[in-house]
Amino acid sequence: MKKIDSLNLIPFIDIMLVLLVIVLTSASFVVRSHIQVDVPRLEDTQGQNAQQKKTHSITIDKEGRFFLDDKLLGLGELKAEIKSFEKDTQVIIRSDRQSDLEYFLEVATTLRDNGIDDVYVTTEQK
């Protein structure tokens, strides 16, 4: 009988790589922000599964400060950043309920004027 000198790890590594690829391709990537805002509530919210594309998060806190992907920006800086977005960019707006509607409308108008149509507003179910 032939003695095995070492364990053949190649098939094991192949299986692990296949499992890793499956997990990575089936994982859901959710945009999370670390800025605390109290979002508006709706009676019935139904989420939509968007295709994987470039996603940005714009947050407006109750003091009227603007954050692009958790980075604090002034309104002028935010508008300049929005102008650099590609047309198929997905944007998620998180606005505090106590913030002025004017701030939200300013962001939404800037997005529309720059051809960004894939815009979502974060709400919370009542």
N, C-alpha and C. Protein backbone atom coordinates (compact mmCIF):
# COMPACT_ATOMS: atom_id res chain seq x y z
N MET A 1 0.83 -1.17 0.00
CA MET A 1 0.00 0.00 0.00
C MET A 1 0.88 1.25 0.00
N LYS A 2 0.45 2.25 -0.80
CA LYS A 2 1.24 3.46 -0.95
C LYS A 2 0.88 4.46 0.16
N LYS A 3 1.90 5.04 0.76
CA LYS A 3 1.68 6.00 1.83
C LYS A 3 1.51 7.40 1.22
N ILE A 4 0.50 8.16 1.70
CA ILE A 4 0.26 9.52 1.21
C ILE A 4 1.18 10.46 1.99
N ASP A 5 2.03 11.18 1.25
CA ASP A 5 2.97 12.09 1.89
C ASP A 5 2.31 13.40 2.34
N SER A 6 1.38 13.89 1.55
CA SER A 6 0.73 15.16 1.91
C SER A 6 -0.72 15.16 1.41
N LEU A 7 -1.49 16.02 1.98
CA LEU A 7 -2.90 16.14 1.62
C LEU A 7 -3.01 17.06 0.41
N ASN A 8 -3.79 16.66 -0.59
CA ASN A 8 -3.98 17.46 -1.79
C ASN A 8 -5.05 18.52 -1.51
N LEU A 9 -4.66 19.78 -1.39
CA LEU A 9 -5.56 20.87 -1.04
C LEU A 9 -6.16 21.57 -2.26
N ILE A 10 -5.71 21.28 -3.44
CA ILE A 10 -6.19 21.97 -4.65
C ILE A 10 -7.70 21.83 -4.83
N PRO A 11 -8.30 20.63 -4.75
CA PRO A 11 -9.76 20.55 -4.90
C PRO A 11 -10.52 21.32 -3.81
N PHE A 12 -10.00 21.31 -2.61
CA PHE A 12 -10.63 22.06 -1.51
C PHE A 12 -10.60 23.57 -1.79
N ILE A 13 -9.47 24.07 -2.26
CA ILE A 13 -9.35 25.49 -2.59
C ILE A 13 -10.28 25.85 -3.73
N ASP A 14 -10.39 25.00 -4.73
CA ASP A 14 -11.31 25.24 -5.86
C ASP A 14 -12.75 25.38 -5.38
N ILE A 15 -13.16 24.49 -4.51
CA ILE A 15 -14.54 24.53 -3.99
C ILE A 15 -14.76 25.81 -3.18
N MET A 16 -13.79 26.18 -2.37
CA MET A 16 -13.93 27.39 -1.56
C MET A 16 -14.01 28.64 -2.44
N LEU A 17 -13.24 28.69 -3.51
CA LEU A 17 -13.29 29.84 -4.41
C LEU A 17 -14.64 29.92 -5.12
N VAL A 18 -15.19 28.79 -5.53
CA VAL A 18 -16.51 28.78 -6.16
C VAL A 18 -17.56 29.27 -5.17
N LEU A 19 -17.51 28.80 -3.93
CA LEU A 19 -18.46 29.26 -2.92
C LEU A 19 -18.31 30.76 -2.65
N LEU A 20 -17.09 31.25 -2.64
CA LEU A 20 -16.85 32.68 -2.44
C LEU A 20 -17.45 33.50 -3.58
N VAL A 21 -17.28 33.05 -4.80
CA VAL A 21 -17.86 33.75 -5.95
C VAL A 21 -19.38 33.76 -5.86
N ILE A 22 -19.98 32.66 -5.47
CA ILE A 22 -21.44 32.59 -5.34
C ILE A 22 -21.93 33.56 -4.28
N VAL A 23 -21.27 33.59 -3.15
CA VAL A 23 -21.67 34.50 -2.07
C VAL A 23 -21.53 35.96 -2.50
N LEU A 24 -20.43 36.29 -3.14
CA LEU A 24 -20.21 37.68 -3.55
C LEU A 24 -21.19 38.14 -4.62
N THR A 25 -21.55 37.26 -5.54
CA THR A 25 -22.47 37.68 -6.60
C THR A 25 -23.91 37.71 -6.14
N SER A 26 -24.25 36.96 -5.11
CA SER A 26 -25.64 36.96 -4.65
C SER A 26 -25.86 37.89 -3.46
N ALA A 27 -24.82 38.51 -2.96
CA ALA A 27 -24.95 39.41 -1.81
C ALA A 27 -25.68 40.69 -2.22
N SER A 28 -26.49 41.17 -1.33
CA SER A 28 -27.20 42.42 -1.55
C SER A 28 -26.38 43.55 -0.96
N PHE A 29 -26.08 44.53 -1.79
CA PHE A 29 -25.30 45.67 -1.33
C PHE A 29 -26.25 46.80 -0.99
N VAL A 30 -26.30 47.19 0.26
CA VAL A 30 -27.21 48.22 0.74
C VAL A 30 -26.39 49.44 1.13
N VAL A 31 -26.86 50.59 0.68
CA VAL A 31 -26.19 51.83 1.04
C VAL A 31 -26.63 52.22 2.44
N ARG A 32 -25.70 52.33 3.32
CA ARG A 32 -25.98 52.71 4.70
C ARG A 32 -25.24 54.01 4.99
N SER A 33 -25.85 54.83 5.77
CA SER A 33 -25.23 56.08 6.17
C SER A 33 -25.12 56.11 7.68
N HIS A 34 -24.09 56.77 8.17
CA HIS A 34 -23.86 56.84 9.61
C HIS A 34 -24.46 58.11 10.21
N ILE A 35 -25.08 58.94 9.39
CA ILE A 35 -25.66 60.18 9.86
C ILE A 35 -27.09 59.90 10.27
N GLN A 36 -27.43 60.25 11.50
CA GLN A 36 -28.76 59.96 12.03
C GLN A 36 -29.75 61.02 11.56
N VAL A 37 -30.78 60.60 10.83
CA VAL A 37 -31.87 61.48 10.45
C VAL A 37 -33.18 60.77 10.74
N ASP A 38 -34.21 61.54 11.03
CA ASP A 38 -35.54 61.01 11.28
C ASP A 38 -36.33 61.15 9.99
N VAL A 39 -36.38 60.08 9.17
CA VAL A 39 -37.00 60.15 7.85
C VAL A 39 -38.51 60.14 7.96
N PRO A 40 -39.21 60.68 6.95
CA PRO A 40 -40.67 60.67 6.97
C PRO A 40 -41.22 59.25 6.94
N ARG A 41 -42.45 59.10 7.41
CA ARG A 41 -43.09 57.78 7.45
C ARG A 41 -44.24 57.73 6.45
N LEU A 42 -44.40 56.61 5.80
CA LEU A 42 -45.50 56.37 4.87
C LEU A 42 -46.29 55.17 5.34
N GLU A 43 -47.55 55.12 4.96
CA GLU A 43 -48.41 53.99 5.35
C GLU A 43 -47.93 52.68 4.75
N ASP A 44 -47.62 52.69 3.46
CA ASP A 44 -47.26 51.45 2.78
C ASP A 44 -46.09 51.71 1.84
N THR A 45 -44.93 51.26 2.23
CA THR A 45 -43.77 51.42 1.37
C THR A 45 -43.39 50.09 0.75
N GLN A 46 -43.15 50.11 -0.53
CA GLN A 46 -42.72 48.91 -1.22
C GLN A 46 -41.37 49.20 -1.85
N GLY A 47 -40.37 48.42 -1.43
CA GLY A 47 -39.03 48.63 -1.96
C GLY A 47 -38.92 48.14 -3.39
N GLN A 48 -38.01 48.75 -4.11
CA GLN A 48 -37.76 48.36 -5.48
C GLN A 48 -36.34 47.86 -5.57
N ASN A 49 -36.17 46.76 -6.26
CA ASN A 49 -34.83 46.23 -6.45
C ASN A 49 -34.22 46.88 -7.66
N ALA A 50 -33.22 47.69 -7.43
CA ALA A 50 -32.56 48.37 -8.53
C ALA A 50 -31.38 47.53 -9.00
N GLN A 51 -31.04 47.70 -10.26
CA GLN A 51 -29.88 47.00 -10.80
C GLN A 51 -28.64 47.59 -10.16
N GLN A 52 -27.57 46.81 -10.16
CA GLN A 52 -26.34 47.29 -9.58
C GLN A 52 -25.74 48.36 -10.49
N LYS A 53 -25.70 49.58 -10.01
CA LYS A 53 -25.07 50.68 -10.72
C LYS A 53 -24.50 51.63 -9.68
N LYS A 54 -23.82 52.64 -10.13
CA LYS A 54 -23.20 53.60 -9.22
C LYS A 54 -24.29 54.25 -8.38
N THR A 55 -24.13 54.21 -7.07
CA THR A 55 -25.13 54.74 -6.15
C THR A 55 -24.49 55.77 -5.23
N HIS A 56 -25.19 56.88 -5.07
CA HIS A 56 -24.76 57.92 -4.13
C HIS A 56 -25.89 58.16 -3.14
N SER A 57 -25.52 58.53 -1.94
CA SER A 57 -26.49 58.86 -0.90
C SER A 57 -26.34 60.33 -0.56
N ILE A 58 -27.44 61.08 -0.65
CA ILE A 58 -27.45 62.48 -0.25
C ILE A 58 -28.32 62.58 0.99
N THR A 59 -27.74 63.11 2.06
CA THR A 59 -28.45 63.23 3.33
C THR A 59 -28.59 64.71 3.68
N ILE A 60 -29.80 65.07 4.13
CA ILE A 60 -30.07 66.43 4.60
C ILE A 60 -30.51 66.29 6.06
N ASP A 61 -29.73 66.85 6.98
CA ASP A 61 -30.11 66.73 8.39
C ASP A 61 -31.04 67.88 8.79
N LYS A 62 -31.50 67.86 10.03
CA LYS A 62 -32.50 68.85 10.45
C LYS A 62 -31.94 70.26 10.54
N GLU A 63 -30.63 70.41 10.59
CA GLU A 63 -30.01 71.74 10.57
C GLU A 63 -29.83 72.26 9.14
N GLY A 64 -30.16 71.44 8.15
CA GLY A 64 -30.03 71.86 6.76
C GLY A 64 -28.64 71.64 6.18
N ARG A 65 -27.85 70.78 6.81
CA ARG A 65 -26.53 70.46 6.28
C ARG A 65 -26.66 69.34 5.25
N PHE A 66 -25.81 69.38 4.23
CA PHE A 66 -25.84 68.41 3.15
C PHE A 66 -24.65 67.47 3.27
N PHE A 67 -24.91 66.17 3.09
CA PHE A 67 -23.87 65.16 3.12
C PHE A 67 -23.98 64.33 1.85
N LEU A 68 -22.88 64.18 1.14
CA LEU A 68 -22.82 63.30 -0.02
C LEU A 68 -21.96 62.11 0.37
N ASP A 69 -22.58 60.94 0.46
CA ASP A 69 -21.88 59.72 0.88
C ASP A 69 -21.13 59.96 2.19
N ASP A 70 -21.83 60.54 3.18
CA ASP A 70 -21.32 60.82 4.53
C ASP A 70 -20.27 61.92 4.58
N LYS A 71 -20.06 62.66 3.49
CA LYS A 71 -19.08 63.75 3.46
C LYS A 71 -19.85 65.07 3.49
N LEU A 72 -19.56 65.92 4.47
CA LEU A 72 -20.24 67.20 4.63
C LEU A 72 -19.84 68.15 3.51
N LEU A 73 -20.85 68.71 2.82
CA LEU A 73 -20.61 69.65 1.73
C LEU A 73 -21.56 70.82 1.86
N GLY A 74 -21.15 71.97 1.34
CA GLY A 74 -22.07 73.09 1.19
C GLY A 74 -22.95 72.85 -0.02
N LEU A 75 -24.00 73.66 -0.17
CA LEU A 75 -24.92 73.47 -1.28
C LEU A 75 -24.22 73.63 -2.62
N GLY A 76 -23.36 74.63 -2.74
CA GLY A 76 -22.62 74.84 -3.99
C GLY A 76 -21.71 73.67 -4.33
N GLU A 77 -21.04 73.14 -3.32
CA GLU A 77 -20.16 71.98 -3.53
C GLU A 77 -20.98 70.75 -3.93
N LEU A 78 -22.14 70.58 -3.30
CA LEU A 78 -23.01 69.45 -3.63
C LEU A 78 -23.47 69.54 -5.08
N LYS A 79 -23.88 70.74 -5.51
CA LYS A 79 -24.32 70.92 -6.90
C LYS A 79 -23.19 70.60 -7.87
N ALA A 80 -21.97 71.01 -7.54
CA ALA A 80 -20.82 70.71 -8.41
C ALA A 80 -20.57 69.21 -8.48
N GLU A 81 -20.70 68.52 -7.36
CA GLU A 81 -20.52 67.06 -7.35
C GLU A 81 -21.61 66.38 -8.18
N ILE A 82 -22.85 66.85 -8.05
CA ILE A 82 -23.96 66.25 -8.80
C ILE A 82 -23.73 66.41 -10.30
N LYS A 83 -23.16 67.53 -10.71
CA LYS A 83 -22.89 67.75 -12.13
C LYS A 83 -21.89 66.73 -12.68
N SER A 84 -21.06 66.18 -11.81
CA SER A 84 -20.06 65.21 -12.26
C SER A 84 -20.62 63.78 -12.31
N PHE A 85 -21.85 63.57 -11.83
CA PHE A 85 -22.45 62.23 -11.85
C PHE A 85 -22.74 61.80 -13.28
N GLU A 86 -22.63 60.50 -13.53
CA GLU A 86 -23.06 59.94 -14.81
C GLU A 86 -24.58 59.93 -14.84
N LYS A 87 -25.16 59.91 -16.04
CA LYS A 87 -26.62 59.99 -16.19
C LYS A 87 -27.34 58.79 -15.59
N ASP A 88 -26.72 57.61 -15.56
CA ASP A 88 -27.39 56.42 -15.04
C ASP A 88 -27.10 56.18 -13.55
N THR A 89 -26.59 57.19 -12.86
CA THR A 89 -26.29 57.08 -11.44
C THR A 89 -27.59 56.99 -10.63
N GLN A 90 -27.59 56.13 -9.64
CA GLN A 90 -28.73 56.01 -8.73
C GLN A 90 -28.44 56.88 -7.51
N VAL A 91 -29.43 57.70 -7.12
CA VAL A 91 -29.26 58.59 -5.97
C VAL A 91 -30.34 58.30 -4.95
N ILE A 92 -29.94 58.15 -3.70
CA ILE A 92 -30.87 57.94 -2.60
C ILE A 92 -30.82 59.18 -1.72
N ILE A 93 -31.97 59.84 -1.56
CA ILE A 93 -32.04 61.05 -0.74
C ILE A 93 -32.63 60.68 0.62
N ARG A 94 -31.90 61.03 1.67
CA ARG A 94 -32.38 60.83 3.04
C ARG A 94 -32.50 62.22 3.66
N SER A 95 -33.72 62.66 3.87
CA SER A 95 -33.96 63.99 4.41
C SER A 95 -34.69 63.88 5.74
N ASP A 96 -34.21 64.59 6.74
CA ASP A 96 -34.86 64.59 8.04
C ASP A 96 -36.24 65.23 7.93
N ARG A 97 -37.21 64.69 8.67
CA ARG A 97 -38.57 65.23 8.65
C ARG A 97 -38.60 66.68 9.08
N GLN A 98 -37.70 67.08 9.94
CA GLN A 98 -37.71 68.44 10.47
C GLN A 98 -36.89 69.42 9.62
N SER A 99 -36.27 68.94 8.56
CA SER A 99 -35.52 69.85 7.69
C SER A 99 -36.49 70.59 6.78
N ASP A 100 -36.06 71.74 6.29
CA ASP A 100 -36.91 72.53 5.40
C ASP A 100 -37.10 71.81 4.08
N LEU A 101 -38.32 71.85 3.58
CA LEU A 101 -38.63 71.24 2.29
C LEU A 101 -37.83 71.91 1.17
N GLU A 102 -37.49 73.16 1.37
CA GLU A 102 -36.72 73.92 0.38
C GLU A 102 -35.39 73.23 0.06
N TYR A 103 -34.74 72.68 1.09
CA TYR A 103 -33.46 71.99 0.87
C TYR A 103 -33.66 70.75 0.01
N PHE A 104 -34.69 69.98 0.32
CA PHE A 104 -34.98 68.78 -0.46
C PHE A 104 -35.27 69.15 -1.91
N LEU A 105 -36.10 70.17 -2.11
CA LEU A 105 -36.46 70.58 -3.47
C LEU A 105 -35.25 71.09 -4.24
N GLU A 106 -34.34 71.76 -3.56
CA GLU A 106 -33.12 72.25 -4.21
C GLU A 106 -32.29 71.07 -4.74
N VAL A 107 -32.15 70.04 -3.91
CA VAL A 107 -31.40 68.85 -4.33
C VAL A 107 -32.11 68.13 -5.47
N ALA A 108 -33.43 67.93 -5.33
CA ALA A 108 -34.20 67.23 -6.37
C ALA A 108 -34.16 67.98 -7.69
N THR A 109 -34.26 69.30 -7.65
CA THR A 109 -34.20 70.11 -8.87
C THR A 109 -32.83 70.02 -9.52
N THR A 110 -31.78 70.06 -8.72
CA THR A 110 -30.42 69.94 -9.26
C THR A 110 -30.22 68.59 -9.93
N LEU A 111 -30.73 67.53 -9.31
CA LEU A 111 -30.62 66.19 -9.91
C LEU A 111 -31.37 66.14 -11.24
N ARG A 112 -32.59 66.66 -11.26
CA ARG A 112 -33.40 66.65 -12.49
C ARG A 112 -32.72 67.47 -13.59
N ASP A 113 -32.20 68.65 -13.25
CA ASP A 113 -31.56 69.51 -14.24
C ASP A 113 -30.31 68.88 -14.83
N ASN A 114 -29.70 67.95 -14.11
CA ASN A 114 -28.49 67.27 -14.60
C ASN A 114 -28.79 65.91 -15.20
N GLY A 115 -30.07 65.60 -15.42
CA GLY A 115 -30.45 64.36 -16.11
C GLY A 115 -30.40 63.12 -15.25
N ILE A 116 -30.37 63.25 -13.95
CA ILE A 116 -30.37 62.10 -13.05
C ILE A 116 -31.82 61.77 -12.74
N ASP A 117 -32.31 60.65 -13.29
CA ASP A 117 -33.71 60.28 -13.13
C ASP A 117 -33.92 59.16 -12.11
N ASP A 118 -32.88 58.43 -11.79
CA ASP A 118 -33.00 57.27 -10.89
C ASP A 118 -32.80 57.74 -9.45
N VAL A 119 -33.85 58.37 -8.89
CA VAL A 119 -33.77 58.99 -7.57
C VAL A 119 -34.77 58.32 -6.64
N TYR A 120 -34.33 57.98 -5.46
CA TYR A 120 -35.18 57.35 -4.45
C TYR A 120 -35.15 58.20 -3.19
N VAL A 121 -36.27 58.24 -2.48
CA VAL A 121 -36.37 58.97 -1.22
C VAL A 121 -36.57 57.94 -0.11
N THR A 122 -35.73 58.00 0.90
CA THR A 122 -35.82 57.07 2.01
C THR A 122 -36.97 57.47 2.94
N THR A 123 -37.83 56.50 3.23
CA THR A 123 -38.92 56.72 4.18
C THR A 123 -38.93 55.57 5.17
N GLU A 124 -39.76 55.70 6.17
CA GLU A 124 -39.90 54.67 7.19
C GLU A 124 -41.36 54.28 7.26
N GLN A 125 -41.65 53.01 7.35
CA GLN A 125 -43.04 52.55 7.41
C GLN A 125 -43.62 52.82 8.79
N LYS A 126 -44.87 53.33 8.81
CA LYS A 126 -45.55 53.63 10.09
C LYS A 126 -45.93 52.36 10.80
